[in-house]
Protein backbone atom coordinates (compact mmCIF):
# COMPACT_ATOMS: atom_id res chain seq x y z
CA VAL A 1 -11.04 9.52 15.55
CA ASN A 2 -10.34 6.33 17.13
CA ARG A 3 -13.63 4.61 18.48
CA HIS A 4 -13.11 1.95 20.54
CA PRO A 5 -15.07 -0.10 23.00
CA HIS A 6 -15.24 2.78 25.33
CA GLY A 7 -15.46 5.46 23.61
CA GLU A 8 -13.34 7.70 21.35
CA ALA A 9 -9.81 8.82 21.20
CA ALA A 10 -9.32 12.01 18.94
CA PHE A 11 -6.03 13.11 17.53
CA HIS A 12 -4.99 15.63 15.21
CA GLY A 13 -1.44 16.73 13.44
CA GLU A 14 0.35 17.71 10.52
CA TYR A 15 2.98 16.16 7.98
CA ARG A 16 6.45 16.87 8.41
CA GLU A 17 7.94 14.48 5.79
CA ILE A 18 6.76 12.57 3.20
CA MET A 19 8.86 10.59 0.81
CA PRO A 20 6.73 7.42 -1.25
CA PRO A 21 6.79 4.84 -0.59
CA SER A 22 8.65 4.46 2.20
CA ARG A 23 8.87 7.43 5.05
CA LEU A 24 6.15 9.36 6.32
CA VAL A 25 6.77 11.97 9.54
CA PHE A 26 4.40 13.44 11.05
CA THR A 27 3.11 15.05 14.81
CA GLU A 28 0.36 13.46 16.78
CA ILE A 29 -1.99 15.64 19.33
CA PHE A 30 -4.62 13.53 21.08
CA GLU A 31 -6.99 16.36 21.75
CA ASP A 32 -7.22 15.66 25.25
CA PHE A 33 -3.69 17.06 26.06
CA PRO A 34 -3.72 19.49 23.33
CA ASP A 35 -0.04 21.15 24.25
CA THR A 36 1.22 17.49 24.11
CA VAL A 37 2.89 17.25 20.92
CA SER A 38 4.52 13.81 19.38
CA VAL A 39 6.07 13.30 16.44
CA VAL A 40 5.80 9.72 14.66
CA THR A 41 8.39 8.38 12.11
CA THR A 42 6.96 5.41 10.29
CA GLU A 43 9.16 3.58 7.48
CA LEU A 44 7.99 1.33 5.44
CA THR A 45 10.50 -1.82 4.31
CA GLU A 46 10.67 -4.62 1.63
CA GLU A 47 11.65 -8.00 3.37
CA HIS A 48 11.30 -11.32 1.96
CA GLY A 49 8.24 -10.38 0.02
CA LYS A 50 6.35 -8.78 2.65
CA THR A 51 6.12 -4.77 3.81
CA ARG A 52 7.44 -4.28 7.47
CA LEU A 53 5.78 -0.86 9.28
CA THR A 54 7.83 0.06 11.77
CA ALA A 55 6.63 3.26 13.68
CA THR A 56 8.73 4.74 15.99
CA VAL A 57 7.11 7.41 18.25
CA ARG A 58 9.24 10.80 20.36
CA TYR A 59 7.15 11.85 23.19
CA PRO A 60 8.02 15.49 24.45
CA SER A 61 9.18 14.16 27.77
CA LYS A 62 9.54 10.53 29.33
CA ASP A 63 6.51 11.35 31.66
CA VAL A 64 4.49 11.78 28.45
CA ARG A 65 5.83 8.66 27.07
CA ASP A 66 5.16 6.18 30.87
CA ALA A 67 0.98 8.28 30.60
CA VAL A 68 1.02 6.73 27.05
CA VAL A 69 2.26 3.93 27.69
CA ALA A 70 0.36 3.26 31.52
CA SER A 71 -3.13 4.36 29.08
CA GLY A 72 -2.91 0.75 27.44
CA MET A 73 -2.27 2.27 24.05
CA ALA A 74 -0.04 -0.07 22.91
CA ARG A 75 -3.27 -2.81 22.79
CA GLY A 76 -4.96 -0.57 21.00
CA ALA A 77 -2.28 0.56 18.20
CA GLY A 78 -2.20 -3.18 18.05
CA ILE A 79 -5.67 -3.54 17.58
CA SER A 80 -5.64 -1.19 14.64
CA TYR A 81 -2.15 -2.24 12.94
CA ASP A 82 -4.24 -5.98 12.34
CA ARG A 83 -7.45 -3.84 10.94
CA LEU A 84 -5.28 -2.28 8.37
CA GLU A 85 -3.78 -5.63 7.66
CA ASP A 86 -6.77 -6.99 6.78
CA LEU A 87 -7.76 -3.73 5.01
CA VAL A 88 -5.00 -3.88 2.64
CA ALA A 89 -5.52 -7.71 2.30
CA GLU A 90 -8.84 -6.91 1.22
CA LEU A 91 -7.53 -4.18 -1.29
CA GLN A 92 -5.63 -6.44 -3.16
CA GLY A 93 -8.07 -9.71 -3.26
């Protein structure tokens, strides 16, 4: 569950591939649209002593992709990744 200023957004899915420490593939289903399954591929690479996280999402159609983009999800995802970066820094400190 992702909590944000206007409420919550719940998701679930299944892991399809786990390759520590560099790759994770999983399904993502937004509970408001349970028949719409997206596939997320996350890759972690080392660059100049830092970790780059690249997430690629394959949506079931262009229409679904466009609806997700129009929802403002990119901004929320960016905030979540910033919070993840803060958490990792805190755990390392």
